[in-house]
Amino acid sequence: MTNSIFVLSVTCLAMLASPFAASAAPAKPAVAQSEMNARIAAATDLLEAMGGRKSVMEQIDRVIPAQMAALQTQFPSITSDTRRVIERSMRTEMTHGVNQLLAQMAGAWSRRFTAAEMREIAAFHRSPTGKRLREHQAELQREISEIGRNWGADISRKLQERLNDYMKQPKALTS
C-alpha cells in the first residue's frame, strides 16, 4: 500500500505542475549567476502574477479527493481511520511542498526566458486581459481539449474508412 501511495503522490505532483509547463526552446548555455538570480526572481514574480500558488492549492483540493477515491477502489477494505490518516498526510506533504514545487517551476521558466521577458509576461498577466485569460483558462483548456479529441476521432474515422475502402478493392493478379 505504501508503494501505491507513493505512485499516487508522484502522479499528483505531475498533474499539479502541468498547467505551468512552458513549451519553449531549450535554455541557452552558460548564463552568469547574477543573471540567473535575476531570472529566478522574475520567474517567481511571474508565477505569482499567473496565480501559481492559488492554482496549485486549488489543484491539491481537487486531486486529493480523486486520489482517495482511487485508493478506496484499489483497497476496498481500507478503514476510515486509515483513509483519514492518508488523506491528512497527502494534504500536509503537498501543502508543505508547494514552495519547492514553485521554486522548481521558476527554475524551468528562468532557463527559457530572460528576466526582462518574464517581467513582460508578468505585466501581461496583471493586465485586465491577462486577468481575464486566467479567469477563462481552465474552461478554455477543457474546450480546446475536447476540440482536439473530436478532431482526432474524426481523423481516425476517416482513416478507418480509407483503410476499409482499400481492403475492399480487388487484388491485382500476380504471376
C-alpha atoms as a PDB file:
ATOM      1  CA  MET A   1       0.000   0.000   0.000  1.00  0.00           C
ATOM      2  CA  THR A   2       2.921   2.360   0.695  1.00  0.00           C
ATOM      3  CA  ASN A   3       4.096   1.889  -2.899  1.00  0.00           C
ATOM      4  CA  SER A   4       0.628   2.798  -4.201  1.00  0.00           C
ATOM      5  CA  ILE A   5       0.577   5.951  -2.098  1.00  0.00           C
ATOM      6  CA  PHE A   6       3.995   6.895  -3.480  1.00  0.00           C
ATOM      7  CA  VAL A   7       2.777   6.359  -7.059  1.00  0.00           C
ATOM      8  CA  LEU A   8      -0.345   8.410  -6.354  1.00  0.00           C
ATOM      9  CA  SER A   9       1.747  11.220  -4.873  1.00  0.00           C
ATOM     10  CA  VAL A  10       4.125  11.324  -7.840  1.00  0.00           C
ATOM     11  CA  THR A  11       1.176  11.308 -10.238  1.00  0.00           C
ATOM     12  CA  CYS A  12      -0.454  14.111  -8.295  1.00  0.00           C
ATOM     13  CA  LEU A  13       2.658  16.274  -8.375  1.00  0.00           C
ATOM     14  CA  ALA A  14       2.983  15.768 -12.125  1.00  0.00           C
ATOM     15  CA  MET A  15      -0.640  16.850 -12.597  1.00  0.00           C
ATOM     16  CA  LEU A  16      -0.096  19.882 -10.409  1.00  0.00           C
ATOM     17  CA  ALA A  17       2.864  21.054 -12.430  1.00  0.00           C
ATOM     18  CA  SER A  18       1.340  20.575 -15.875  1.00  0.00           C
ATOM     19  CA  PRO A  19      -0.610  23.851 -16.156  1.00  0.00           C
ATOM     20  CA  PHE A  20       2.594  25.848 -15.759  1.00  0.00           C
ATOM     21  CA  ALA A  21       4.898  23.885 -18.030  1.00  0.00           C
ATOM     22  CA  ALA A  22       6.420  26.153 -20.664  1.00  0.00           C
ATOM     23  CA  SER A  23       6.949  24.696 -24.120  1.00  0.00           C
ATOM     24  CA  ALA A  24       9.728  26.995 -25.277  1.00  0.00           C
ATOM     25  CA  ALA A  25      13.139  26.462 -26.858  1.00  0.00           C
ATOM     26  CA  PRO A  26      15.871  24.828 -24.756  1.00  0.00           C
ATOM     27  CA  ALA A  27      17.909  27.043 -22.467  1.00  0.00           C
ATOM     28  CA  LYS A  28      20.974  28.881 -23.734  1.00  0.00           C
ATOM     29  CA  PRO A  29      24.256  27.675 -22.217  1.00  0.00           C
ATOM     30  CA  ALA A  30      26.311  29.391 -19.507  1.00  0.00           C
ATOM     31  CA  VAL A  31      24.176  32.152 -18.013  1.00  0.00           C
ATOM     32  CA  ALA A  32      26.016  34.254 -15.415  1.00  0.00           C
ATOM     33  CA  GLN A  33      24.979  33.616 -11.793  1.00  0.00           C
ATOM     34  CA  SER A  34      23.803  37.219 -11.300  1.00  0.00           C
ATOM     35  CA  GLU A  35      21.631  36.948 -14.421  1.00  0.00           C
ATOM     36  CA  MET A  36      20.275  33.580 -13.244  1.00  0.00           C
ATOM     37  CA  ASN A  37      19.409  35.097  -9.849  1.00  0.00           C
ATOM     38  CA  ALA A  38      17.552  37.914 -11.628  1.00  0.00           C
ATOM     39  CA  ARG A  39      15.765  35.355 -13.773  1.00  0.00           C
ATOM     40  CA  ILE A  40      14.736  33.288 -10.751  1.00  0.00           C
ATOM     41  CA  ALA A  41      13.349  36.401  -9.051  1.00  0.00           C
ATOM     42  CA  ALA A  42      11.472  37.380 -12.217  1.00  0.00           C
ATOM     43  CA  ALA A  43      10.174  33.829 -12.662  1.00  0.00           C
ATOM     44  CA  THR A  44       8.964  33.722  -9.059  1.00  0.00           C
ATOM     45  CA  ASP A  45       7.141  37.009  -9.624  1.00  0.00           C
ATOM     46  CA  LEU A  46       5.737  35.683 -12.902  1.00  0.00           C
ATOM     47  CA  LEU A  47       4.326  32.594 -11.213  1.00  0.00           C
ATOM     48  CA  GLU A  48       2.709  34.854  -8.619  1.00  0.00           C
ATOM     49  CA  ALA A  49       1.260  37.053 -11.391  1.00  0.00           C
ATOM     50  CA  MET A  50      -0.104  33.927 -13.064  1.00  0.00           C
ATOM     51  CA  GLY A  51      -1.786  32.856  -9.830  1.00  0.00           C
ATOM     52  CA  GLY A  52       0.600  29.930  -9.450  1.00  0.00           C
ATOM     53  CA  ARG A  53       0.272  29.310  -5.714  1.00  0.00           C
ATOM     54  CA  LYS A  54      -3.508  29.696  -5.780  1.00  0.00           C
ATOM     55  CA  SER A  55      -3.761  27.377  -8.765  1.00  0.00           C
ATOM     56  CA  VAL A  56      -1.567  24.720  -7.152  1.00  0.00           C
ATOM     57  CA  MET A  57      -3.597  24.865  -3.934  1.00  0.00           C
ATOM     58  CA  GLU A  58      -6.835  24.526  -5.925  1.00  0.00           C
ATOM     59  CA  GLN A  59      -5.342  21.550  -7.768  1.00  0.00           C
ATOM     60  CA  ILE A  60      -4.441  19.942  -4.451  1.00  0.00           C
ATOM     61  CA  ASP A  61      -8.035  20.400  -3.295  1.00  0.00           C
ATOM     62  CA  ARG A  62      -9.290  18.717  -6.491  1.00  0.00           C
ATOM     63  CA  VAL A  63      -6.699  15.962  -6.755  1.00  0.00           C
ATOM     64  CA  ILE A  64      -6.723  14.608  -3.211  1.00  0.00           C
ATOM     65  CA  PRO A  65     -10.398  13.518  -3.229  1.00  0.00           C
ATOM     66  CA  ALA A  66      -9.876  11.840  -6.614  1.00  0.00           C
ATOM     67  CA  GLN A  67      -6.793  10.029  -5.357  1.00  0.00           C
ATOM     68  CA  MET A  68      -8.571   8.979  -2.193  1.00  0.00           C
ATOM     69  CA  ALA A  69     -11.437   7.575  -4.262  1.00  0.00           C
ATOM     70  CA  ALA A  70      -8.927   5.645  -6.401  1.00  0.00           C
ATOM     71  CA  LEU A  71      -7.239   4.354  -3.259  1.00  0.00           C
ATOM     72  CA  GLN A  72     -10.609   3.258  -1.836  1.00  0.00           C
ATOM     73  CA  THR A  73     -11.340   1.419  -5.094  1.00  0.00           C
ATOM     74  CA  GLN A  74      -7.932  -0.257  -5.101  1.00  0.00           C
ATOM     75  CA  PHE A  75      -8.170  -1.166  -1.410  1.00  0.00           C
ATOM     76  CA  PRO A  76     -11.902  -1.530  -0.630  1.00  0.00           C
ATOM     77  CA  SER A  77     -11.258  -2.767   2.905  1.00  0.00           C
ATOM     78  CA  ILE A  78      -9.328   0.353   3.943  1.00  0.00           C
ATOM     79  CA  THR A  79     -10.689   1.700   7.215  1.00  0.00           C
ATOM     80  CA  SER A  80     -11.987   5.222   7.572  1.00  0.00           C
ATOM     81  CA  ASP A  81      -9.252   5.933  10.146  1.00  0.00           C
ATOM     82  CA  THR A  82      -6.541   4.816   7.732  1.00  0.00           C
ATOM     83  CA  ARG A  83      -8.191   6.812   4.973  1.00  0.00           C
ATOM     84  CA  ARG A  84      -8.188   9.946   7.170  1.00  0.00           C
ATOM     85  CA  VAL A  85      -4.516   9.451   8.067  1.00  0.00           C
ATOM     86  CA  ILE A  86      -3.538   9.013   4.416  1.00  0.00           C
ATOM     87  CA  GLU A  87      -5.607  11.984   3.270  1.00  0.00           C
ATOM     88  CA  ARG A  88      -4.220  14.203   6.038  1.00  0.00           C
ATOM     89  CA  SER A  89      -0.675  13.074   5.199  1.00  0.00           C
ATOM     90  CA  MET A  90      -1.170  13.750   1.492  1.00  0.00           C
ATOM     91  CA  ARG A  91      -2.555  17.203   2.178  1.00  0.00           C
ATOM     92  CA  THR A  92       0.257  18.036   4.623  1.00  0.00           C
ATOM     93  CA  GLU A  93       3.025  16.841   2.292  1.00  0.00           C
ATOM     94  CA  MET A  94       1.571  18.546  -0.753  1.00  0.00           C
ATOM     95  CA  THR A  95       0.898  21.802   1.078  1.00  0.00           C
ATOM     96  CA  HIS A  96       4.393  21.857   2.560  1.00  0.00           C
ATOM     97  CA  GLY A  97       5.860  21.043  -0.856  1.00  0.00           C
ATOM     98  CA  VAL A  98       4.214  23.960  -2.677  1.00  0.00           C
ATOM     99  CA  ASN A  99       7.197  26.296  -2.178  1.00  0.00           C
ATOM    100  CA  GLN A 100       9.575  23.656  -3.521  1.00  0.00           C
ATOM    101  CA  LEU A 101       7.282  22.996  -6.480  1.00  0.00           C
ATOM    102  CA  LEU A 102       7.036  26.712  -7.279  1.00  0.00           C
ATOM    103  CA  ALA A 103      10.826  27.073  -6.978  1.00  0.00           C
ATOM    104  CA  GLN A 104      11.306  24.241  -9.471  1.00  0.00           C
ATOM    105  CA  MET A 105       8.780  25.825 -11.808  1.00  0.00           C
ATOM    106  CA  ALA A 106      10.604  29.155 -11.504  1.00  0.00           C
ATOM    107  CA  GLY A 107      13.792  27.342 -12.474  1.00  0.00           C
ATOM    108  CA  ALA A 108      12.123  25.930 -15.584  1.00  0.00           C
ATOM    109  CA  TRP A 109      10.935  29.385 -16.638  1.00  0.00           C
ATOM    110  CA  SER A 110      14.298  31.001 -15.849  1.00  0.00           C
ATOM    111  CA  ARG A 111      16.150  28.585 -18.121  1.00  0.00           C
ATOM    112  CA  ARG A 112      13.996  29.587 -21.081  1.00  0.00           C
ATOM    113  CA  PHE A 113      13.320  33.306 -20.691  1.00  0.00           C
ATOM    114  CA  THR A 114      15.312  36.357 -19.669  1.00  0.00           C
ATOM    115  CA  ALA A 115      14.334  38.389 -16.624  1.00  0.00           C
ATOM    116  CA  ALA A 116      13.053  41.167 -18.902  1.00  0.00           C
ATOM    117  CA  GLU A 117      10.901  38.735 -20.891  1.00  0.00           C
ATOM    118  CA  MET A 118       9.391  37.290 -17.728  1.00  0.00           C
ATOM    119  CA  ARG A 119       8.640  40.780 -16.397  1.00  0.00           C
ATOM    120  CA  GLU A 120       6.786  41.474 -19.662  1.00  0.00           C
ATOM    121  CA  ILE A 121       4.832  38.237 -19.333  1.00  0.00           C
ATOM    122  CA  ALA A 122       4.048  39.039 -15.679  1.00  0.00           C
ATOM    123  CA  ALA A 123       2.866  42.521 -16.671  1.00  0.00           C
ATOM    124  CA  PHE A 124       0.522  40.916 -19.177  1.00  0.00           C
ATOM    125  CA  HIS A 125      -0.862  38.541 -16.551  1.00  0.00           C
ATOM    126  CA  ARG A 126      -1.504  41.501 -14.246  1.00  0.00           C
ATOM    127  CA  SER A 127      -3.281  43.435 -17.006  1.00  0.00           C
ATOM    128  CA  PRO A 128      -7.071  43.273 -17.385  1.00  0.00           C
ATOM    129  CA  THR A 129      -6.644  40.992 -20.409  1.00  0.00           C
ATOM    130  CA  GLY A 130      -4.240  38.716 -18.541  1.00  0.00           C
ATOM    131  CA  LYS A 131      -6.623  38.502 -15.591  1.00  0.00           C
ATOM    132  CA  ARG A 132      -9.438  37.670 -17.992  1.00  0.00           C
ATOM    133  CA  LEU A 133      -7.282  34.952 -19.558  1.00  0.00           C
ATOM    134  CA  ARG A 134      -6.690  33.387 -16.133  1.00  0.00           C
ATOM    135  CA  GLU A 135     -10.417  33.508 -15.359  1.00  0.00           C
ATOM    136  CA  HIS A 136     -11.242  31.572 -18.532  1.00  0.00           C
ATOM    137  CA  GLN A 137      -8.110  29.451 -18.867  1.00  0.00           C
ATOM    138  CA  ALA A 138      -9.449  26.252 -17.297  1.00  0.00           C
ATOM    139  CA  GLU A 139     -12.664  26.225 -19.321  1.00  0.00           C
ATOM    140  CA  LEU A 140     -10.729  27.224 -22.443  1.00  0.00           C
ATOM    141  CA  GLN A 141      -8.299  24.337 -21.925  1.00  0.00           C
ATOM    142  CA  ARG A 142     -11.207  21.920 -21.438  1.00  0.00           C
ATOM    143  CA  GLU A 143     -12.918  23.169 -24.596  1.00  0.00           C
ATOM    144  CA  ILE A 144      -9.708  23.040 -26.635  1.00  0.00           C
ATOM    145  CA  SER A 145      -9.003  19.523 -25.353  1.00  0.00           C
ATOM    146  CA  GLU A 146     -12.488  18.443 -26.412  1.00  0.00           C
ATOM    147  CA  ILE A 147     -11.969  20.029 -29.840  1.00  0.00           C
ATOM    148  CA  GLY A 148      -8.686  18.123 -30.163  1.00  0.00           C
ATOM    149  CA  ARG A 149     -10.281  14.830 -29.095  1.00  0.00           C
ATOM    150  CA  ASN A 150     -13.126  15.302 -31.581  1.00  0.00           C
ATOM    151  CA  TRP A 151     -10.682  16.222 -34.344  1.00  0.00           C
ATOM    152  CA  GLY A 152      -8.572  13.153 -33.585  1.00  0.00           C
ATOM    153  CA  ALA A 153     -11.651  10.909 -33.565  1.00  0.00           C
ATOM    154  CA  ASP A 154     -12.765  12.378 -36.904  1.00  0.00           C
ATOM    155  CA  ILE A 155      -9.331  11.793 -38.456  1.00  0.00           C
ATOM    156  CA  SER A 156      -9.300   8.257 -37.057  1.00  0.00           C
ATOM    157  CA  ARG A 157     -12.747   7.585 -38.515  1.00  0.00           C
ATOM    158  CA  LYS A 158     -11.679   8.910 -41.943  1.00  0.00           C
ATOM    159  CA  LEU A 159      -8.517   6.811 -41.895  1.00  0.00           C
ATOM    160  CA  GLN A 160     -10.541   3.732 -40.964  1.00  0.00           C
ATOM    161  CA  GLU A 161     -12.928   4.422 -43.876  1.00  0.00           C
ATOM    162  CA  ARG A 162      -9.986   4.755 -46.280  1.00  0.00           C
ATOM    163  CA  LEU A 163      -8.460   1.540 -44.995  1.00  0.00           C
ATOM    164  CA  ASN A 164     -11.791  -0.266 -45.355  1.00  0.00           C
ATOM    165  CA  ASP A 165     -12.178   1.056 -48.925  1.00  0.00           C
ATOM    166  CA  TYR A 166      -8.642  -0.050 -49.745  1.00  0.00           C
ATOM    167  CA  MET A 167      -9.241  -3.514 -48.322  1.00  0.00           C
ATOM    168  CA  LYS A 168     -12.426  -3.878 -50.446  1.00  0.00           C
ATOM    169  CA  GLN A 169     -10.560  -3.209 -53.703  1.00  0.00           C
ATOM    170  CA  PRO A 170      -9.919  -6.291 -55.815  1.00  0.00           C
ATOM    171  CA  LYS A 171      -6.409  -7.598 -55.509  1.00  0.00           C
ATOM    172  CA  ALA A 172      -4.177  -7.328 -58.560  1.00  0.00           C
ATOM    173  CA  LEU A 173      -3.319 -10.603 -60.221  1.00  0.00           C
ATOM    174  CA  THR A 174       0.308 -11.553 -59.998  1.00  0.00           C
ATOM    175  CA  SER A 175       2.056 -14.298 -61.893  1.00  0.00           C
END
